[in-house]
Every structure is written in structure tokens, then in C-alpha cells.
Amino acid sequence: MGRTYFVEEAIGQYLSELSATCKPYVTGLLIGQCSPQRDYVIRAVRTPPKEEQKEGNTSPPRLESIDEEWVTAHASQVAQMLPGGLLVLGVFIIATPELSKDTQSALRKLIFSVEKSLTKRRLWKPADEDVSDRAALQVCSATKKIVCRTFDVQDPKSSAKPADWKYQSALSASWVSLGCTVNVNIHIPLLATSPNHDLEKNTKNGLNRWSKQIEDSVFLINGQVKDNDTELLEGQKKSRGNTQPSTQISDIKVLTQLSQGSSQRSTATVQICSGSINLKGAVKCRAYVHNNKPKVKEAIQALKRDIINTLSDRCEILFEDLIINEGPHKKSFERVYHALPQRLFVPFTGSSVMLSDYKFGDEAAGEIQERFVEMLDQSVPAEDIHVAEEVNTVDICPATDNMDGTQQKELTKATLLLKLQQNMGVVIAVAVAVFASIFSFNYFSD
């Protein structure tokens, strides 16, 4: 028996509007949530047209000419804008009847290409109960006929399986929202044998170790540790119909374990380092789960993944920005501190679920609005952009060349301590990239 997708009713109208304008085809992503019992599709987003298409050139008439890299890049950008619990769970193609015979093979290629790209970015490990089926939706632009199938992305030889596509009104109007603030203080040493300028690789390695701590953490919901298989909303009264208000659980504490068990021995190693990277601050995390008797396990897993994703995504965005502004071959940075982008949330009509994005301090609201139109095909009023975090950026100017290493180290340490004392208690999300002898653990020989 195939899977059943419960789909937000507004998606049907969206696909119908795209069908009227597609020449000869249009691709896009399906966004929602998977669960062992049923799957939910709360949004469909078309692939943004490339520049040559915006200039008036029509798409190639053959589906084999679909730009997989472009679709995959779009999926990666969208994945960064999804809070915990939501994922890209499929791909759709709207095509003319003449192209229908090639649609299935094109969908299959896109699904596996998108999933491969998204999997490479994840720092968390998939759970045994994770659903590996992804939806392939085929829509005929002339007849509006819909055919939904699934592919198992864990099986490269997977064949298409039929799936049900059922529209439902107000599907995401009353989902459960979970939120927490996580204090981050991650110290990542840069080994002397590792190039200092390879920040992205070193940071990812450090985040990998930190993500394991998050996955092993204990989560307190309203001050209690709840059994994984307990219903999240146990004891709460539910209203009839779809008019019940959404439930928000914000009293969640994250307790990181200091050790993985007394049976494991802890060993200390001495490493010769040329510098370090510090990620320090407080990040706002949010996750959503469906309201059909969600389990505690589902909710905690969604929140854990959002914690890991939001820090990893920020670092990725920061490094992309540095490459654009400072060049890919720059071996050192003029700034010692680089502020991570702030997280913001944006609602979309008819849903209690909010989408996420990130902004740098100097980024205007207009740029954010343009990004939502391009990536999620959604117009966002400026007043609906809710910045969740405050940022206090600390910049330390590089020491002058006539100072020796010891003077540079002492001056920078003193400046650092002074700045941190001045900004104690302020909610920050700052990525600290400290090089050479600055704030590092170095060993010198005579």
C-alpha cells in the first residue's frame, strides 16, 4: 500500500495557476513533514526562472534539458529557510501533454539529485524511523490531471510506487510550535598542520562534534523529561474541527551531557595549534509538528535538528559571504570577528507555521523580501518580518606589524576581555575566527 499525502488546499490553486502559465513545463519543490503514519504537504514552490528565461527565452522543449544543478541549488536555499520539522519532501513537474511520457524519468532524476545534495549538508544522523520516500508529482497543464508517486531515496534502484494525493483545508492552521534559546560556546582548534584559511572545513569538523552533543542532549518540556512515546499534547483539551488555536511550547531547556557514560574513559590529547575558531552566542530555535497526536519523540527530534541546522546554515551563509566579498583565495581575514547572520521568521497566509531566513546587520528589508519572492514565491510585507535575535558585533582590528607575537597576544586578549565584559548579558550570535597567536593554544620551541 502506497503513502498518503495530505495537502494544503491552497496548493491546488497554486498548481492550477502555474499550469496556465507554464510553457512548456515548470518544475518545483514540495515542502512539508513526514511521519510514520501520514505525510503533510503545506507548500509548493516553483523553481525560480534563470536569467535567460526572465529575458523572454522559453524553456527547452525537452524535459531532458532540465537544469538539475539549478533545481538542486534552489532546494538547498529553500532547506535553509525551513524551521525544524519541515523538509523538502518531493518535486513536482507541470508539463504539456506532449512531454508527459518523459515526466516520470525526469522526476526520478530530480528527486535523487535533490536528496543527495541535501543529505551532504546535514550534520545530524537520520533515525531508523525516518521516512525515506519522496514524492514525485506530475501535473498535466492541459487536463490538470495529477499523478503522485514515491521513490525510496535510500535505494538507488527504487522504482515508482503509487501514492494518494488528498487536499485538506486549513491543514497547517493549528500545528504545534516548539521554541527554545540555545547558548552556544564552541571552541574549534586549528591544528598547525591544517591551513588557517580553510575555515569552512575546520568549522564543519567542529560542528560535527558539537552536533553529536546536541543529539545526545536531554530536553526538558515544561521542566519535565517526558517519555519518547508519550503524546506531546497529553492532558490538553482539543477543540473540534480545524478552528482550534495552535499550541506553542516555549518552555524547553536543553541539557548537554558532559560525558557519554561512566564506562567510557576520557583521554586528553595535546595538539599543536596555530589558532582557533570560536562560535559564541545565543541562537533562537523553532520547530513545528502536526497536531495529529504527535509524539514527544517527533517533537524533540524536530527541535534537535533545527538547533543543528540553524548554526550550520549560518556558518555556511557567512563563508559564502566572505568568499564573495574577500575572494576564495584569501588566506587571512582583516577582521578577527565576523557576526553570524540573525535569524528571522515570516508567517504565510492561512498557516500557524512560520518560515525562516537569515539577515546580516546591514541587509535591508527589501533584500529579504526579494529573497522570499525568488526562493519561496511569496510576497512578504516588511512588517511581517520578525527578527528573532539581537546581534552585537565585536570587531578587533589587526595588530600592527611592529609588535611582536607576545605583545599582539596580550593586547588582543585585553581588548577581548574588555569587550566581552561590556556586552555581558546581551543576546549575541557571533562567529569568532581567531588566527595566529590570538586567543589560541600555541606551543613555541626555543
Protein backbone atom coordinates (compact mmCIF):
# COMPACT_ATOMS: atom_id res chain seq x y z
CA MET A 1 0.00 0.00 0.00
CA GLY A 2 1.36 3.40 -1.01
CA ARG A 3 1.75 6.51 1.13
CA THR A 4 -0.94 9.14 1.54
CA TYR A 5 -0.14 12.83 1.26
CA PHE A 6 -2.49 15.26 2.97
CA VAL A 7 -2.12 18.51 1.07
CA GLU A 8 -2.96 22.10 1.93
CA GLU A 9 -5.94 23.06 -0.21
CA ALA A 10 -4.31 26.30 -1.38
CA ILE A 11 -1.61 24.25 -3.13
CA GLY A 12 -4.22 23.03 -5.63
CA GLN A 13 -4.96 26.62 -6.64
CA TYR A 14 -1.25 27.42 -6.84
CA LEU A 15 -0.56 24.47 -9.16
CA SER A 16 -3.55 25.43 -11.27
CA GLU A 17 -2.22 28.96 -11.71
CA LEU A 18 1.20 27.63 -12.69
CA SER A 19 -0.44 25.27 -15.19
CA ALA A 20 -1.97 28.23 -17.00
CA THR A 21 1.39 29.92 -17.49
CA CYS A 22 3.90 27.08 -17.97
CA LYS A 23 5.42 26.84 -21.45
CA PRO A 24 6.11 24.04 -21.95
CA TYR A 25 6.92 22.95 -18.38
CA VAL A 26 7.71 24.19 -14.90
CA THR A 27 9.43 22.41 -12.02
CA GLY A 28 9.20 22.99 -8.30
CA LEU A 29 9.53 21.66 -4.77
CA LEU A 30 7.06 20.22 -2.29
CA ILE A 31 7.55 21.27 1.34
CA GLY A 32 6.06 19.53 4.34
CA GLN A 33 6.53 16.95 7.04
CA CYS A 34 6.86 13.18 7.05
CA SER A 35 5.66 10.94 9.83
CA PRO A 36 5.35 7.16 10.11
CA GLN A 37 1.57 7.35 9.78
CA ARG A 38 1.00 10.07 7.18
CA ASP A 39 2.72 12.84 5.26
CA TYR A 40 1.74 16.51 5.07
CA VAL A 41 2.39 18.91 2.20
CA ILE A 42 1.89 22.51 3.29
CA ARG A 43 3.59 24.36 0.45
CA ALA A 44 4.59 24.04 -3.20
CA VAL A 45 7.24 26.36 -4.65
CA ARG A 46 8.20 26.71 -8.27
CA THR A 47 11.84 26.73 -9.36
CA PRO A 48 12.84 30.37 -9.97
CA PRO A 49 13.47 31.11 -13.65
CA LYS A 50 17.04 31.64 -14.75
CA GLU A 51 18.16 34.97 -16.16
CA GLU A 52 17.79 33.89 -19.78
CA GLN A 53 14.22 32.79 -19.05
CA LYS A 54 13.43 36.13 -17.42
CA GLU A 55 14.60 37.85 -20.58
CA GLY A 56 11.91 36.09 -22.57
CA ASN A 57 13.56 32.91 -23.83
CA THR A 58 11.30 29.90 -23.46
CA SER A 59 12.36 26.71 -21.71
CA PRO A 60 13.84 23.96 -23.84
CA PRO A 61 11.08 21.73 -25.22
CA ARG A 62 12.63 18.54 -23.88
CA LEU A 63 12.49 17.52 -20.21
CA GLU A 64 15.96 16.00 -20.55
CA SER A 65 17.21 19.57 -20.73
CA ILE A 66 16.07 20.44 -17.21
CA ASP A 67 18.95 22.03 -15.32
CA GLU A 68 19.38 19.62 -12.38
CA GLU A 69 22.06 21.79 -10.82
CA TRP A 70 19.72 24.81 -10.80
CA VAL A 71 16.85 22.85 -9.23
CA THR A 72 19.20 21.35 -6.66
CA ALA A 73 20.66 24.75 -5.75
CA HIS A 74 17.14 26.06 -5.24
CA ALA A 75 16.33 23.11 -2.96
CA SER A 76 19.43 23.84 -0.86
CA GLN A 77 18.44 27.50 -0.47
CA VAL A 78 14.87 26.58 0.47
CA ALA A 79 16.09 23.99 3.00
CA GLN A 80 17.96 26.78 4.82
CA MET A 81 14.68 28.70 5.14
CA LEU A 82 12.74 25.87 6.78
CA PRO A 83 12.38 25.59 10.57
CA GLY A 84 12.69 22.25 12.34
CA GLY A 85 10.17 19.62 11.34
CA LEU A 86 9.83 20.82 7.74
CA LEU A 87 11.76 19.47 4.79
CA VAL A 88 11.79 19.27 1.02
CA LEU A 89 9.77 16.08 0.67
CA GLY A 90 9.31 15.98 -3.07
CA VAL A 91 9.44 17.51 -6.52
CA PHE A 92 6.72 18.41 -8.99
CA ILE A 93 6.63 18.96 -12.73
CA ILE A 94 3.80 20.62 -14.62
CA ALA A 95 4.14 19.80 -18.31
CA THR A 96 2.20 19.82 -21.54
CA PRO A 97 0.68 16.53 -22.75
CA GLU A 98 3.40 16.17 -25.39
CA LEU A 99 6.03 15.87 -22.67
CA SER A 100 4.11 13.52 -20.38
CA LYS A 101 5.97 10.38 -21.45
CA ASP A 102 9.29 11.83 -20.22
CA THR A 103 7.98 13.31 -16.98
CA GLN A 104 8.45 10.26 -14.78
CA SER A 105 12.12 9.76 -15.60
CA ALA A 106 12.78 13.50 -15.17
CA LEU A 107 11.11 13.47 -11.74
CA ARG A 108 13.16 10.48 -10.65
CA LYS A 109 16.44 12.17 -11.60
CA LEU A 110 15.48 15.37 -9.81
CA ILE A 111 14.40 13.62 -6.61
CA PHE A 112 17.65 11.71 -6.23
CA SER A 113 19.75 14.72 -7.19
CA VAL A 114 17.99 16.98 -4.67
CA GLU A 115 18.15 14.42 -1.86
CA LYS A 116 21.85 13.77 -2.46
CA SER A 117 22.62 17.48 -2.18
CA LEU A 118 20.52 17.97 0.96
CA THR A 119 21.98 14.90 2.66
CA LYS A 120 25.55 16.19 2.18
CA ARG A 121 24.68 19.36 4.11
CA ARG A 122 23.16 17.64 7.13
CA LEU A 123 25.20 17.24 10.29
CA TRP A 124 22.60 15.10 12.07
CA LYS A 125 22.21 11.38 11.59
CA PRO A 126 18.92 10.02 10.22
CA ALA A 127 16.85 7.96 12.64
CA ASP A 128 15.62 4.45 11.97
CA GLU A 129 12.03 5.65 11.83
CA ASP A 130 12.75 8.44 9.30
CA VAL A 131 10.66 8.16 6.16
CA SER A 132 12.86 7.77 3.08
CA ASP A 133 10.08 8.00 0.47
CA ARG A 134 9.95 11.24 -1.52
CA ALA A 135 7.00 12.45 -3.58
CA ALA A 136 7.08 12.83 -7.36
CA LEU A 137 4.08 14.85 -8.52
CA GLN A 138 3.16 15.02 -12.19
CA VAL A 139 0.58 17.58 -13.36
CA CYS A 140 -0.78 17.88 -16.89
CA SER A 141 -1.08 21.54 -17.83
CA ALA A 142 -3.98 20.86 -20.21
CA THR A 143 -6.19 18.44 -18.27
CA LYS A 144 -4.95 19.40 -14.73
CA LYS A 145 -4.72 15.67 -14.01
CA ILE A 146 -2.45 14.84 -11.06
CA VAL A 147 -0.40 11.67 -10.69
CA CYS A 148 1.54 11.19 -7.44
CA ARG A 149 4.20 8.53 -6.96
CA THR A 150 7.04 8.00 -4.49
CA PHE A 151 10.66 6.86 -4.69
CA ASP A 152 12.75 5.45 -1.86
CA VAL A 153 15.80 7.73 -1.89
CA GLN A 154 17.82 5.24 0.15
CA ASP A 155 17.54 2.74 -2.70
CA PRO A 156 19.24 3.93 -5.93
CA LYS A 157 17.34 1.24 -7.83
CA SER A 158 14.00 2.22 -6.37
CA SER A 159 11.04 2.08 -8.72
CA ALA A 160 7.98 4.34 -8.57
CA LYS A 161 5.20 3.43 -6.16
CA PRO A 162 1.69 4.89 -6.32
CA ALA A 163 0.64 7.39 -3.66
CA ASP A 164 -2.58 9.18 -2.75
CA TRP A 165 -2.83 12.97 -3.03
CA LYS A 166 -5.63 14.35 -0.85
CA TYR A 167 -6.45 18.02 -0.40
CA GLN A 168 -7.49 19.26 3.02
CA SER A 169 -8.48 22.74 4.13
CA ALA A 170 -6.59 24.57 6.90
CA LEU A 171 -4.11 21.72 7.09
CA SER A 172 -1.37 23.72 8.83
CA ALA A 173 -3.58 26.21 10.70
CA SER A 174 -3.08 24.62 14.12
CA TRP A 175 0.27 22.88 14.23
CA VAL A 176 2.26 22.63 17.45
CA SER A 177 5.11 25.12 17.75
CA LEU A 178 8.19 24.44 19.88
CA GLY A 179 10.82 27.02 20.65
CA CYS A 180 13.95 27.41 22.73
CA THR A 181 17.08 29.53 23.05
CA VAL A 182 20.37 27.65 22.95
CA ASN A 183 23.56 29.18 24.31
CA VAL A 184 26.49 28.29 22.10
CA ASN A 185 30.14 28.39 23.06
CA ILE A 186 32.08 26.16 20.70
CA HIS A 187 35.87 26.25 20.61
CA ILE A 188 37.41 24.71 17.49
CA PRO A 189 41.22 24.47 17.50
CA LEU A 190 43.07 24.90 14.22
CA LEU A 191 45.82 22.35 14.00
CA ALA A 192 49.22 23.58 12.90
CA THR A 193 49.10 21.05 10.07
CA SER A 194 45.80 22.46 8.83
CA PRO A 195 45.69 25.64 6.75
CA ASN A 196 44.33 28.52 8.78
CA HIS A 197 42.36 29.86 5.85
CA ASP A 198 40.41 26.61 5.41
CA LEU A 199 37.84 27.91 7.85
CA GLU A 200 34.84 26.19 6.33
CA LYS A 201 36.30 22.69 6.58
CA ASN A 202 37.60 23.21 10.11
CA THR A 203 34.32 24.73 11.27
CA LYS A 204 32.31 21.87 9.83
CA ASN A 205 34.51 19.35 11.64
CA GLY A 206 33.99 21.22 14.90
CA LEU A 207 30.24 21.46 14.33
CA ASN A 208 30.12 17.73 13.65
CA ARG A 209 31.46 17.06 17.14
CA TRP A 210 29.06 19.60 18.66
CA SER A 211 26.07 18.16 16.80
CA LYS A 212 26.66 14.78 18.45
CA GLN A 213 26.40 16.53 21.82
CA ILE A 214 23.09 18.06 20.81
CA GLU A 215 21.74 14.71 19.62
CA ASP A 216 22.71 13.17 22.97
CA SER A 217 21.23 16.05 24.99
CA VAL A 218 18.30 15.80 27.38
CA PHE A 219 15.31 18.04 26.63
CA LEU A 220 13.03 19.29 29.39
CA ILE A 221 9.50 20.19 28.28
CA ASN A 222 7.85 22.45 30.84
CA GLY A 223 10.51 21.36 33.30
CA GLN A 224 9.93 17.63 32.80
CA VAL A 225 11.62 14.79 30.99
CA LYS A 226 8.89 13.04 29.06
CA ASP A 227 8.87 9.52 27.67
CA ASN A 228 9.56 9.42 23.92
CA ASP A 229 6.36 7.56 23.09
CA THR A 230 4.13 9.84 25.16
CA GLU A 231 1.75 12.06 23.24
CA LEU A 232 3.14 15.59 23.20
CA LEU A 233 -0.24 17.14 23.96
CA GLU A 234 -1.29 14.56 26.51
CA GLY A 235 -3.71 16.07 29.01
CA GLN A 236 -4.54 19.09 26.87
CA LYS A 237 -8.09 19.59 25.69
CA LYS A 238 -8.64 19.65 21.94
CA SER A 239 -11.33 21.68 20.19
CA ARG A 240 -13.44 20.14 17.50
CA GLY A 241 -12.80 20.82 13.85
CA ASN A 242 -9.94 22.82 12.39
CA THR A 243 -10.60 26.02 14.34
CA GLN A 244 -8.56 25.10 17.40
CA PRO A 245 -5.76 27.55 18.15
CA SER A 246 -2.19 26.47 17.55
CA THR A 247 -0.29 25.22 20.58
CA GLN A 248 3.01 26.85 21.46
CA ILE A 249 5.54 25.20 23.76
CA SER A 250 8.37 27.59 24.54
CA ASP A 251 9.47 26.36 27.97
CA ILE A 252 12.08 23.91 26.67
CA LYS A 253 15.51 23.51 28.22
CA VAL A 254 18.43 21.75 26.56
CA LEU A 255 20.79 19.90 28.90
CA THR A 256 24.03 18.85 27.24
CA GLN A 257 25.66 15.78 28.73
CA LEU A 258 29.22 16.27 29.91
CA SER A 259 30.13 12.66 29.22
CA GLN A 260 28.70 9.76 27.31
CA GLY A 261 28.69 7.35 30.22
CA SER A 262 30.94 6.25 33.06
CA SER A 263 32.03 3.14 31.16
CA GLN A 264 33.89 5.23 28.62
CA ARG A 265 37.30 6.55 29.54
CA SER A 266 38.13 10.14 28.83
CA THR A 267 41.55 10.80 27.34
CA ALA A 268 43.29 14.12 26.87
CA THR A 269 45.43 14.86 23.85
CA VAL A 270 47.94 17.63 23.24
CA GLN A 271 47.66 19.20 19.82
CA ILE A 272 49.89 21.88 18.37
CA CYS A 273 47.57 24.61 17.16
CA SER A 274 48.10 27.70 15.06
CA GLY A 275 44.85 29.35 16.09
CA SER A 276 41.20 28.70 16.84
CA ILE A 277 37.66 29.41 15.80
CA ASN A 278 35.08 30.33 18.43
CA LEU A 279 31.34 30.25 17.88
CA LYS A 280 29.73 32.11 20.72
CA GLY A 281 26.27 33.49 21.41
CA ALA A 282 22.62 32.54 21.81
CA VAL A 283 20.50 31.26 18.94
CA LYS A 284 16.72 31.08 18.63
CA CYS A 285 15.43 27.69 17.53
CA ARG A 286 11.97 26.69 16.42
CA ALA A 287 10.25 23.54 15.22
CA TYR A 288 6.76 22.52 14.15
CA VAL A 289 4.91 19.23 14.31
CA HIS A 290 1.47 18.23 13.05
CA ASN A 291 -1.39 18.13 15.55
CA ASN A 292 -2.48 14.55 14.81
CA LYS A 293 -1.42 13.04 18.15
CA PRO A 294 2.28 13.92 17.79
CA LYS A 295 4.73 12.00 19.95
CA VAL A 296 7.32 13.60 22.21
CA LYS A 297 9.99 11.83 20.16
CA GLU A 298 8.86 13.55 16.95
CA ALA A 299 8.85 16.99 18.57
CA ILE A 300 12.26 16.67 20.23
CA GLN A 301 13.83 15.27 17.08
CA ALA A 302 12.49 18.20 15.03
CA LEU A 303 13.86 20.71 17.55
CA LYS A 304 17.26 18.99 17.78
CA ARG A 305 17.63 19.14 14.02
CA ASP A 306 16.68 22.80 13.94
CA ILE A 307 19.34 23.60 16.55
CA ILE A 308 21.98 21.84 14.48
CA ASN A 309 20.75 23.20 11.15
CA THR A 310 20.47 26.82 12.20
CA LEU A 311 24.08 27.07 13.35
CA SER A 312 25.44 25.06 10.42
CA ASP A 313 23.43 27.10 7.91
CA ARG A 314 24.60 30.41 9.40
CA CYS A 315 28.22 29.38 9.10
CA GLU A 316 27.67 28.31 5.50
CA ILE A 317 26.00 31.65 4.70
CA LEU A 318 28.83 33.54 6.40
CA PHE A 319 31.55 31.76 4.45
CA GLU A 320 29.70 32.31 1.18
CA ASP A 321 29.52 36.00 2.04
CA LEU A 322 33.23 36.14 2.89
CA ILE A 323 34.14 34.46 -0.39
CA ILE A 324 32.02 36.95 -2.33
CA ASN A 325 33.44 39.97 -0.50
CA GLU A 326 37.01 38.88 0.16
CA GLY A 327 37.76 36.29 -2.52
CA PRO A 328 38.15 32.50 -2.36
CA HIS A 329 41.95 32.56 -2.14
CA LYS A 330 42.33 34.96 0.77
CA LYS A 331 44.49 33.20 3.37
CA SER A 332 43.74 35.52 6.25
CA PHE A 333 40.96 37.91 7.17
CA GLU A 334 41.34 41.52 8.12
CA ARG A 335 38.60 41.18 10.71
CA VAL A 336 39.06 38.98 13.74
CA TYR A 337 35.35 38.77 14.49
CA HIS A 338 32.60 38.07 11.98
CA ALA A 339 28.97 38.38 13.04
CA LEU A 340 26.78 35.46 12.12
CA PRO A 341 23.57 36.46 10.37
CA GLN A 342 20.49 36.95 12.56
CA ARG A 343 17.57 34.60 12.33
CA LEU A 344 14.17 35.92 11.36
CA PHE A 345 10.72 34.38 10.92
CA VAL A 346 7.97 35.15 8.45
CA PRO A 347 4.37 33.84 8.53
CA PHE A 348 2.49 32.71 5.47
CA THR A 349 -1.23 33.11 4.96
CA GLY A 350 -3.56 30.56 6.48
CA SER A 351 -0.90 28.74 8.48
CA SER A 352 0.42 28.78 12.04
CA VAL A 353 3.80 27.69 10.67
CA MET A 354 6.43 30.36 10.11
CA LEU A 355 9.23 30.20 7.59
CA SER A 356 12.77 31.18 8.48
CA ASP A 357 15.60 33.16 6.96
CA TYR A 358 18.81 34.95 7.93
CA LYS A 359 20.00 38.52 7.56
CA PHE A 360 23.25 40.36 8.07
CA GLY A 361 23.17 43.56 10.09
CA ASP A 362 23.43 45.84 7.06
CA GLU A 363 20.86 43.96 5.00
CA ALA A 364 17.72 45.96 4.18
CA ALA A 365 14.17 44.62 4.43
CA GLY A 366 13.82 44.96 0.67
CA GLU A 367 16.57 42.40 0.08
CA ILE A 368 14.83 39.92 2.38
CA GLN A 369 11.53 40.49 0.60
CA GLU A 370 13.16 39.87 -2.78
CA ARG A 371 14.67 36.63 -1.49
CA PHE A 372 11.29 35.33 -0.33
CA VAL A 373 9.77 36.10 -3.72
CA GLU A 374 12.60 34.39 -5.57
CA MET A 375 13.08 31.35 -3.33
CA LEU A 376 9.56 30.74 -1.98
CA ASP A 377 7.42 32.63 -4.48
CA GLN A 378 5.87 34.61 -1.62
CA SER A 379 5.37 38.33 -1.14
CA VAL A 380 6.21 39.41 2.40
CA PRO A 381 5.19 42.79 3.86
CA ALA A 382 8.06 44.43 5.73
CA GLU A 383 6.03 44.47 8.94
CA ASP A 384 5.72 40.66 8.82
CA ILE A 385 9.48 40.16 9.08
CA HIS A 386 10.15 39.24 12.71
CA VAL A 387 13.84 39.30 13.66
CA ALA A 388 14.23 36.80 16.49
CA GLU A 389 17.68 37.75 17.71
CA GLU A 390 19.74 40.78 18.59
CA VAL A 391 23.32 40.92 17.43
CA ASN A 392 26.21 42.84 18.94
CA THR A 393 29.19 42.56 16.63
CA VAL A 394 32.67 42.94 18.10
CA ASP A 395 35.42 43.81 15.63
CA ILE A 396 39.08 43.71 16.65
CA CYS A 397 41.48 45.48 14.35
CA PRO A 398 44.59 43.54 13.34
CA ALA A 399 47.69 44.29 15.36
CA THR A 400 50.40 46.43 13.75
CA ASP A 401 53.41 44.77 12.18
CA ASN A 402 55.92 46.32 14.60
CA MET A 403 54.54 44.40 17.57
CA ASP A 404 55.98 41.03 18.39
CA GLY A 405 53.77 37.98 18.91
CA THR A 406 53.58 38.31 22.70
CA GLN A 407 52.52 41.97 22.54
CA GLN A 408 49.88 41.20 19.95
CA LYS A 409 48.52 38.36 22.07
CA GLU A 410 48.33 40.39 25.27
CA LEU A 411 46.77 43.41 23.59
CA THR A 412 44.16 41.35 21.80
CA LYS A 413 43.30 39.36 24.95
CA ALA A 414 42.85 42.57 26.94
CA THR A 415 40.65 44.08 24.25
CA LEU A 416 38.63 40.89 24.02
CA LEU A 417 38.03 40.68 27.76
CA LEU A 418 37.03 44.33 27.91
CA LYS A 419 34.56 43.96 25.06
CA LEU A 420 33.04 40.81 26.48
CA GLN A 421 32.61 42.44 29.90
CA GLN A 422 30.88 45.39 28.31
CA ASN A 423 28.46 43.14 26.48
CA MET A 424 27.69 40.57 29.17
CA GLY A 425 24.05 39.52 29.13
CA VAL A 426 23.41 40.74 25.60
CA VAL A 427 21.98 38.09 23.28
CA ILE A 428 24.54 37.60 20.53
CA ALA A 429 25.27 35.23 17.72
CA VAL A 430 28.85 35.88 16.73
CA ALA A 431 31.25 33.64 14.88
CA VAL A 432 34.74 34.29 16.14
CA ALA A 433 37.54 33.49 13.77
CA VAL A 434 40.81 33.97 15.64
CA PHE A 435 44.06 33.36 13.91
CA ALA A 436 47.81 33.10 14.55
CA SER A 437 48.59 33.62 18.23
CA ILE A 438 45.30 35.37 19.02
CA PHE A 439 43.28 33.60 21.72
CA SER A 440 44.87 30.27 20.79
CA PHE A 441 46.74 27.42 22.35
CA ASN A 442 50.18 27.53 20.77
CA TYR A 443 53.37 25.78 21.61
CA PHE A 444 56.69 27.51 20.91
CA SER A 445 60.11 25.97 20.79
CA ASP A 446 63.38 27.73 21.55
